[in-house]
Amino acid sequence: MDTDYFEGMKRVLRMQHGDHDLVDPYMIVSFAGKKLKTKVLYKTYTPEWAQELNIGVQMPSMCEQLMLRLMDKLVLT
């Protein structure tokens, strides 16, 4: 993960909270109209998911696109 990118986005969104501002990443996987989400890994810049996601689809699929979205869980206090 690019930590400079997240720091820049936090500055733009005015989300800086301190020196130890880590992210809470999770990933959304989309394929053939189905979506799955990984668990959230709290307070890290180096996430490693040891998680298996299974999307049941029939093959051949009309969908040719697999979308992976890396997200940061936004917690408002």
PDB file of N, CA and C in Angstrom:
ATOM      1  N   MET A   1       0.840  -1.182   0.000  1.00  0.00           N
ATOM      2  CA  MET A   1       0.000   0.000   0.000  1.00  0.00           C
ATOM      3  C   MET A   1       0.876   1.234   0.000  1.00  0.00           C
ATOM      4  N   ASP A   2       0.446   2.249  -0.673  1.00  0.00           N
ATOM      5  CA  ASP A   2       1.180   3.500  -0.760  1.00  0.00           C
ATOM      6  C   ASP A   2       0.781   4.400   0.404  1.00  0.00           C
ATOM      7  N   THR A   3       1.632   4.472   1.431  1.00  0.00           N
ATOM      8  CA  THR A   3       1.295   5.258   2.618  1.00  0.00           C
ATOM      9  C   THR A   3       1.218   6.740   2.309  1.00  0.00           C
ATOM     10  N   ASP A   4       2.017   7.227   1.365  1.00  0.00           N
ATOM     11  CA  ASP A   4       1.954   8.645   0.995  1.00  0.00           C
ATOM     12  C   ASP A   4       0.605   8.991   0.397  1.00  0.00           C
ATOM     13  N   TYR A   5       0.043   8.079  -0.374  1.00  0.00           N
ATOM     14  CA  TYR A   5      -1.279   8.316  -0.968  1.00  0.00           C
ATOM     15  C   TYR A   5      -2.322   8.489   0.128  1.00  0.00           C
ATOM     16  N   PHE A   6      -2.330   7.590   1.122  1.00  0.00           N
ATOM     17  CA  PHE A   6      -3.305   7.683   2.196  1.00  0.00           C
ATOM     18  C   PHE A   6      -3.104   8.945   3.033  1.00  0.00           C
ATOM     19  N   GLU A   7      -1.871   9.305   3.291  1.00  0.00           N
ATOM     20  CA  GLU A   7      -1.611  10.519   4.047  1.00  0.00           C
ATOM     21  C   GLU A   7      -2.115  11.742   3.283  1.00  0.00           C
ATOM     22  N   GLY A   8      -1.889  11.762   1.976  1.00  0.00           N
ATOM     23  CA  GLY A   8      -2.372  12.869   1.149  1.00  0.00           C
ATOM     24  C   GLY A   8      -3.890  12.948   1.151  1.00  0.00           C
ATOM     25  N   MET A   9      -4.546  11.813   1.034  1.00  0.00           N
ATOM     26  CA  MET A   9      -6.009  11.797   1.051  1.00  0.00           C
ATOM     27  C   MET A   9      -6.542  12.251   2.408  1.00  0.00           C
ATOM     28  N   LYS A  10      -5.900  11.863   3.481  1.00  0.00           N
ATOM     29  CA  LYS A  10      -6.349  12.281   4.806  1.00  0.00           C
ATOM     30  C   LYS A  10      -6.189  13.791   4.985  1.00  0.00           C
ATOM     31  N   ARG A  11      -5.099  14.347   4.412  1.00  0.00           N
ATOM     32  CA  ARG A  11      -4.926  15.795   4.481  1.00  0.00           C
ATOM     33  C   ARG A  11      -6.011  16.507   3.689  1.00  0.00           C
ATOM     34  N   VAL A  12      -6.313  15.993   2.500  1.00  0.00           N
ATOM     35  CA  VAL A  12      -7.341  16.596   1.659  1.00  0.00           C
ATOM     36  C   VAL A  12      -8.701  16.533   2.350  1.00  0.00           C
ATOM     37  N   LEU A  13      -9.008  15.405   2.970  1.00  0.00           N
ATOM     38  CA  LEU A  13     -10.293  15.227   3.643  1.00  0.00           C
ATOM     39  C   LEU A  13     -10.282  15.718   5.084  1.00  0.00           C
ATOM     40  N   ARG A  14      -9.168  16.280   5.509  1.00  0.00           N
ATOM     41  CA  ARG A  14      -8.988  16.795   6.874  1.00  0.00           C
ATOM     42  C   ARG A  14      -9.304  15.730   7.920  1.00  0.00           C
ATOM     43  N   MET A  15      -8.672  14.569   7.748  1.00  0.00           N
ATOM     44  CA  MET A  15      -8.906  13.440   8.653  1.00  0.00           C
ATOM     45  C   MET A  15      -7.692  13.150   9.530  1.00  0.00           C
ATOM     46  N   GLN A  16      -6.742  14.038   9.631  1.00  0.00           N
ATOM     47  CA  GLN A  16      -5.562  13.788  10.454  1.00  0.00           C
ATOM     48  C   GLN A  16      -5.952  13.807  11.925  1.00  0.00           C
ATOM     49  N   HIS A  17      -5.533  12.798  12.669  1.00  0.00           N
ATOM     50  CA  HIS A  17      -5.864  12.706  14.086  1.00  0.00           C
ATOM     51  C   HIS A  17      -4.635  12.607  14.973  1.00  0.00           C
ATOM     52  N   GLY A  18      -3.467  12.489  14.405  1.00  0.00           N
ATOM     53  CA  GLY A  18      -2.287  12.364  15.244  1.00  0.00           C
ATOM     54  C   GLY A  18      -1.137  11.717  14.516  1.00  0.00           C
ATOM     55  N   ASP A  19      -0.054  11.474  15.261  1.00  0.00           N
ATOM     56  CA  ASP A  19       1.164  10.906  14.683  1.00  0.00           C
ATOM     57  C   ASP A  19       1.000   9.458  14.258  1.00  0.00           C
ATOM     58  N   HIS A  20       0.153   8.715  14.917  1.00  0.00           N
ATOM     59  CA  HIS A  20       0.018   7.278  14.655  1.00  0.00           C
ATOM     60  C   HIS A  20      -1.265   6.994  13.882  1.00  0.00           C
ATOM     61  N   ASP A  21      -1.492   7.751  12.837  1.00  0.00           N
ATOM     62  CA  ASP A  21      -2.718   7.642  12.058  1.00  0.00           C
ATOM     63  C   ASP A  21      -2.600   6.494  11.063  1.00  0.00           C
ATOM     64  N   LEU A  22      -3.083   5.322  11.434  1.00  0.00           N
ATOM     65  CA  LEU A  22      -3.013   4.143  10.584  1.00  0.00           C
ATOM     66  C   LEU A  22      -4.355   3.927   9.905  1.00  0.00           C
ATOM     67  N   VAL A  23      -4.380   3.088   8.899  1.00  0.00           N
ATOM     68  CA  VAL A  23      -5.618   2.815   8.175  1.00  0.00           C
ATOM     69  C   VAL A  23      -6.233   1.497   8.637  1.00  0.00           C
ATOM     70  N   ASP A  24      -7.513   1.342   8.353  1.00  0.00           N
ATOM     71  CA  ASP A  24      -8.266   0.131   8.663  1.00  0.00           C
ATOM     72  C   ASP A  24      -8.739  -0.464   7.328  1.00  0.00           C
ATOM     73  N   PRO A  25      -7.847  -1.150   6.611  1.00  0.00           N
ATOM     74  CA  PRO A  25      -8.182  -1.583   5.256  1.00  0.00           C
ATOM     75  C   PRO A  25      -9.060  -2.834   5.203  1.00  0.00           C
ATOM     76  N   TYR A  26      -9.843  -2.889   4.127  1.00  0.00           N
ATOM     77  CA  TYR A  26     -10.570  -4.092   3.753  1.00  0.00           C
ATOM     78  C   TYR A  26     -10.707  -4.073   2.240  1.00  0.00           C
ATOM     79  N   MET A  27     -11.070  -5.195   1.649  1.00  0.00           N
ATOM     80  CA  MET A  27     -11.164  -5.278   0.202  1.00  0.00           C
ATOM     81  C   MET A  27     -12.549  -5.757  -0.198  1.00  0.00           C
ATOM     82  N   ILE A  28     -13.087  -5.161  -1.261  1.00  0.00           N
ATOM     83  CA  ILE A  28     -14.351  -5.586  -1.842  1.00  0.00           C
ATOM     84  C   ILE A  28     -14.033  -6.228  -3.187  1.00  0.00           C
ATOM     85  N   VAL A  29     -14.525  -7.442  -3.383  1.00  0.00           N
ATOM     86  CA  VAL A  29     -14.301  -8.195  -4.620  1.00  0.00           C
ATOM     87  C   VAL A  29     -15.640  -8.293  -5.344  1.00  0.00           C
ATOM     88  N   SER A  30     -15.675  -7.873  -6.618  1.00  0.00           N
ATOM     89  CA  SER A  30     -16.902  -7.931  -7.414  1.00  0.00           C
ATOM     90  C   SER A  30     -16.652  -8.716  -8.691  1.00  0.00           C
ATOM     91  N   PHE A  31     -17.594  -9.615  -9.010  1.00  0.00           N
ATOM     92  CA  PHE A  31     -17.519 -10.370 -10.257  1.00  0.00           C
ATOM     93  C   PHE A  31     -18.911 -10.858 -10.610  1.00  0.00           C
ATOM     94  N   ALA A  32     -19.315 -10.643 -11.847  1.00  0.00           N
ATOM     95  CA  ALA A  32     -20.599 -11.133 -12.383  1.00  0.00           C
ATOM     96  C   ALA A  32     -21.781 -10.708 -11.517  1.00  0.00           C
ATOM     97  N   GLY A  33     -21.763  -9.468 -11.037  1.00  0.00           N
ATOM     98  CA  GLY A  33     -22.877  -8.947 -10.256  1.00  0.00           C
ATOM     99  C   GLY A  33     -22.899  -9.371  -8.802  1.00  0.00           C
ATOM    100  N   LYS A  34     -21.894 -10.078  -8.354  1.00  0.00           N
ATOM    101  CA  LYS A  34     -21.822 -10.516  -6.959  1.00  0.00           C
ATOM    102  C   LYS A  34     -20.668  -9.807  -6.268  1.00  0.00           C
ATOM    103  N   LYS A  35     -20.866  -9.472  -4.987  1.00  0.00           N
ATOM    104  CA  LYS A  35     -19.836  -8.775  -4.215  1.00  0.00           C
ATOM    105  C   LYS A  35     -19.563  -9.523  -2.925  1.00  0.00           C
ATOM    106  N   LEU A  36     -18.293  -9.559  -2.560  1.00  0.00           N
ATOM    107  CA  LEU A  36     -17.864 -10.097  -1.267  1.00  0.00           C
ATOM    108  C   LEU A  36     -16.907  -9.106  -0.632  1.00  0.00           C
ATOM    109  N   LYS A  37     -16.832  -9.127   0.688  1.00  0.00           N
ATOM    110  CA  LYS A  37     -15.965  -8.209   1.411  1.00  0.00           C
ATOM    111  C   LYS A  37     -15.097  -9.000   2.384  1.00  0.00           C
ATOM    112  N   THR A  38     -13.822  -8.624   2.469  1.00  0.00           N
ATOM    113  CA  THR A  38     -12.933  -9.255   3.447  1.00  0.00           C
ATOM    114  C   THR A  38     -13.199  -8.661   4.824  1.00  0.00           C
ATOM    115  N   LYS A  39     -12.584  -9.255   5.820  1.00  0.00           N
ATOM    116  CA  LYS A  39     -12.664  -8.664   7.153  1.00  0.00           C
ATOM    117  C   LYS A  39     -11.804  -7.399   7.184  1.00  0.00           C
ATOM    118  N   VAL A  40     -12.109  -6.506   8.108  1.00  0.00           N
ATOM    119  CA  VAL A  40     -11.350  -5.275   8.278  1.00  0.00           C
ATOM    120  C   VAL A  40     -10.121  -5.574   9.132  1.00  0.00           C
ATOM    121  N   LEU A  41      -8.964  -5.123   8.676  1.00  0.00           N
ATOM    122  CA  LEU A  41      -7.732  -5.240   9.458  1.00  0.00           C
ATOM    123  C   LEU A  41      -7.459  -3.865  10.066  1.00  0.00           C
ATOM    124  N   TYR A  42      -7.595  -3.765  11.362  1.00  0.00           N
ATOM    125  CA  TYR A  42      -7.521  -2.470  12.032  1.00  0.00           C
ATOM    126  C   TYR A  42      -6.093  -2.015  12.285  1.00  0.00           C
ATOM    127  N   LYS A  43      -5.890  -0.709  12.123  1.00  0.00           N
ATOM    128  CA  LYS A  43      -4.647   0.002  12.465  1.00  0.00           C
ATOM    129  C   LYS A  43      -3.402  -0.613  11.853  1.00  0.00           C
ATOM    130  N   THR A  44      -3.315  -0.593  10.529  1.00  0.00           N
ATOM    131  CA  THR A  44      -2.153  -1.136   9.846  1.00  0.00           C
ATOM    132  C   THR A  44      -1.911  -0.407   8.534  1.00  0.00           C
ATOM    133  N   TYR A  45      -0.673  -0.388   8.107  1.00  0.00           N
ATOM    134  CA  TYR A  45      -0.307   0.083   6.769  1.00  0.00           C
ATOM    135  C   TYR A  45       0.129  -1.085   5.887  1.00  0.00           C
ATOM    136  N   THR A  46       0.255  -2.274   6.466  1.00  0.00           N
ATOM    137  CA  THR A  46       0.721  -3.442   5.713  1.00  0.00           C
ATOM    138  C   THR A  46      -0.248  -4.609   5.897  1.00  0.00           C
ATOM    139  N   PRO A  47      -1.421  -4.520   5.279  1.00  0.00           N
ATOM    140  CA  PRO A  47      -2.402  -5.592   5.473  1.00  0.00           C
ATOM    141  C   PRO A  47      -2.021  -6.867   4.742  1.00  0.00           C
ATOM    142  N   GLU A  48      -2.295  -7.988   5.380  1.00  0.00           N
ATOM    143  CA  GLU A  48      -2.136  -9.305   4.764  1.00  0.00           C
ATOM    144  C   GLU A  48      -3.367 -10.108   5.124  1.00  0.00           C
ATOM    145  N   TRP A  49      -4.207 -10.366   4.124  1.00  0.00           N
ATOM    146  CA  TRP A  49      -5.416 -11.137   4.350  1.00  0.00           C
ATOM    147  C   TRP A  49      -5.119 -12.607   4.106  1.00  0.00           C
ATOM    148  N   ALA A  50      -5.325 -13.407   5.122  1.00  0.00           N
ATOM    149  CA  ALA A  50      -5.231 -14.859   4.967  1.00  0.00           C
ATOM    150  C   ALA A  50      -6.664 -15.366   4.967  1.00  0.00           C
ATOM    151  N   GLN A  51      -7.409 -14.886   3.989  1.00  0.00           N
ATOM    152  CA  GLN A  51      -8.835 -15.146   3.933  1.00  0.00           C
ATOM    153  C   GLN A  51      -9.215 -15.596   2.526  1.00  0.00           C
ATOM    154  N   GLU A  52     -10.051 -16.585   2.441  1.00  0.00           N
ATOM    155  CA  GLU A  52     -10.490 -17.093   1.149  1.00  0.00           C
ATOM    156  C   GLU A  52     -11.922 -16.631   0.898  1.00  0.00           C
ATOM    157  N   LEU A  53     -12.152 -16.049  -0.276  1.00  0.00           N
ATOM    158  CA  LEU A  53     -13.487 -15.613  -0.666  1.00  0.00           C
ATOM    159  C   LEU A  53     -13.953 -16.464  -1.837  1.00  0.00           C
ATOM    160  N   ASN A  54     -15.144 -16.985  -1.767  1.00  0.00           N
ATOM    161  CA  ASN A  54     -15.685 -17.836  -2.828  1.00  0.00           C
ATOM    162  C   ASN A  54     -16.922 -17.191  -3.427  1.00  0.00           C
ATOM    163  N   ILE A  55     -16.888 -16.952  -4.728  1.00  0.00           N
ATOM    164  CA  ILE A  55     -18.035 -16.420  -5.452  1.00  0.00           C
ATOM    165  C   ILE A  55     -18.519 -17.519  -6.385  1.00  0.00           C
ATOM    166  N   GLY A  56     -19.733 -17.975  -6.185  1.00  0.00           N
ATOM    167  CA  GLY A  56     -20.295 -19.017  -7.041  1.00  0.00           C
ATOM    168  C   GLY A  56     -20.865 -18.426  -8.319  1.00  0.00           C
ATOM    169  N   VAL A  57     -20.288 -18.771  -9.448  1.00  0.00           N
ATOM    170  CA  VAL A  57     -20.781 -18.306 -10.751  1.00  0.00           C
ATOM    171  C   VAL A  57     -20.785 -19.480 -11.714  1.00  0.00           C
ATOM    172  N   GLN A  58     -21.635 -19.377 -12.733  1.00  0.00           N
ATOM    173  CA  GLN A  58     -21.652 -20.383 -13.779  1.00  0.00           C
ATOM    174  C   GLN A  58     -20.679 -19.975 -14.866  1.00  0.00           C
ATOM    175  N   MET A  59     -19.984 -20.942 -15.396  1.00  0.00           N
ATOM    176  CA  MET A  59     -19.016 -20.671 -16.459  1.00  0.00           C
ATOM    177  C   MET A  59     -19.528 -21.281 -17.744  1.00  0.00           C
ATOM    178  N   PRO A  60     -19.377 -20.717 -18.879  1.00  0.00           N
ATOM    179  CA  PRO A  60     -18.716 -19.444 -19.110  1.00  0.00           C
ATOM    180  C   PRO A  60     -19.599 -18.285 -18.651  1.00  0.00           C
ATOM    181  N   SER A  61     -18.991 -17.266 -18.148  1.00  0.00           N
ATOM    182  CA  SER A  61     -19.691 -16.097 -17.652  1.00  0.00           C
ATOM    183  C   SER A  61     -19.652 -14.999 -18.702  1.00  0.00           C
ATOM    184  N   MET A  62     -20.700 -14.217 -18.770  1.00  0.00           N
ATOM    185  CA  MET A  62     -20.738 -13.082 -19.696  1.00  0.00           C
ATOM    186  C   MET A  62     -19.854 -11.949 -19.170  1.00  0.00           C
ATOM    187  N   CYS A  63     -19.529 -12.009 -17.903  1.00  0.00           N
ATOM    188  CA  CYS A  63     -18.707 -10.978 -17.285  1.00  0.00           C
ATOM    189  C   CYS A  63     -17.237 -11.306 -17.488  1.00  0.00           C
ATOM    190  N   GLU A  64     -16.482 -10.328 -17.930  1.00  0.00           N
ATOM    191  CA  GLU A  64     -15.047 -10.514 -18.134  1.00  0.00           C
ATOM    192  C   GLU A  64     -14.219  -9.667 -17.177  1.00  0.00           C
ATOM    193  N   GLN A  65     -14.884  -9.029 -16.237  1.00  0.00           N
ATOM    194  CA  GLN A  65     -14.194  -8.077 -15.396  1.00  0.00           C
ATOM    195  C   GLN A  65     -14.281  -8.474 -13.923  1.00  0.00           C
ATOM    196  N   LEU A  66     -13.138  -8.562 -13.291  1.00  0.00           N
ATOM    197  CA  LEU A  66     -13.024  -8.798 -11.860  1.00  0.00           C
ATOM    198  C   LEU A  66     -12.584  -7.488 -11.238  1.00  0.00           C
ATOM    199  N   MET A  67     -13.347  -6.978 -10.275  1.00  0.00           N
ATOM    200  CA  MET A  67     -13.006  -5.694  -9.663  1.00  0.00           C
ATOM    201  C   MET A  67     -12.564  -5.916  -8.220  1.00  0.00           C
ATOM    202  N   LEU A  68     -11.401  -5.393  -7.885  1.00  0.00           N
ATOM    203  CA  LEU A  68     -10.869  -5.421  -6.521  1.00  0.00           C
ATOM    204  C   LEU A  68     -10.779  -3.983  -6.047  1.00  0.00           C
ATOM    205  N   ARG A  69     -11.481  -3.667  -4.970  1.00  0.00           N
ATOM    206  CA  ARG A  69     -11.459  -2.303  -4.428  1.00  0.00           C
ATOM    207  C   ARG A  69     -10.872  -2.343  -3.027  1.00  0.00           C
ATOM    208  N   LEU A  70      -9.776  -1.644  -2.831  1.00  0.00           N
ATOM    209  CA  LEU A  70      -9.139  -1.549  -1.524  1.00  0.00           C
ATOM    210  C   LEU A  70      -9.709  -0.329  -0.822  1.00  0.00           C
ATOM    211  N   MET A  71     -10.301  -0.546   0.340  1.00  0.00           N
ATOM    212  CA  MET A  71     -11.009   0.505   1.053  1.00  0.00           C
ATOM    213  C   MET A  71     -10.400   0.737   2.435  1.00  0.00           C
ATOM    214  N   ASP A  72     -10.692   1.891   3.004  1.00  0.00           N
ATOM    215  CA  ASP A  72     -10.311   2.220   4.378  1.00  0.00           C
ATOM    216  C   ASP A  72     -11.597   2.472   5.145  1.00  0.00           C
ATOM    217  N   LYS A  73     -11.804   1.740   6.213  1.00  0.00           N
ATOM    218  CA  LYS A  73     -13.018   1.918   6.994  1.00  0.00           C
ATOM    219  C   LYS A  73     -12.938   3.265   7.695  1.00  0.00           C
ATOM    220  N   LEU A  74     -13.912   4.103   7.424  1.00  0.00           N
ATOM    221  CA  LEU A  74     -13.952   5.437   8.000  1.00  0.00           C
ATOM    222  C   LEU A  74     -14.720   5.377   9.308  1.00  0.00           C
ATOM    223  N   VAL A  75     -14.062   5.725  10.394  1.00  0.00           N
ATOM    224  CA  VAL A  75     -14.692   5.731  11.702  1.00  0.00           C
ATOM    225  C   VAL A  75     -14.747   7.177  12.171  1.00  0.00           C
ATOM    226  N   LEU A  76     -15.957   7.692  12.285  1.00  0.00           N
ATOM    227  CA  LEU A  76     -16.131   9.074  12.750  1.00  0.00           C
ATOM    228  C   LEU A  76     -16.303   9.068  14.259  1.00  0.00           C
ATOM    229  N   THR A  77     -15.540   9.902  14.937  1.00  0.00           N
ATOM    230  CA  THR A  77     -15.655   9.969  16.401  1.00  0.00           C
ATOM    231  C   THR A  77     -16.202  11.301  16.823  1.00  0.00           C
TER     232      THR A  77
END
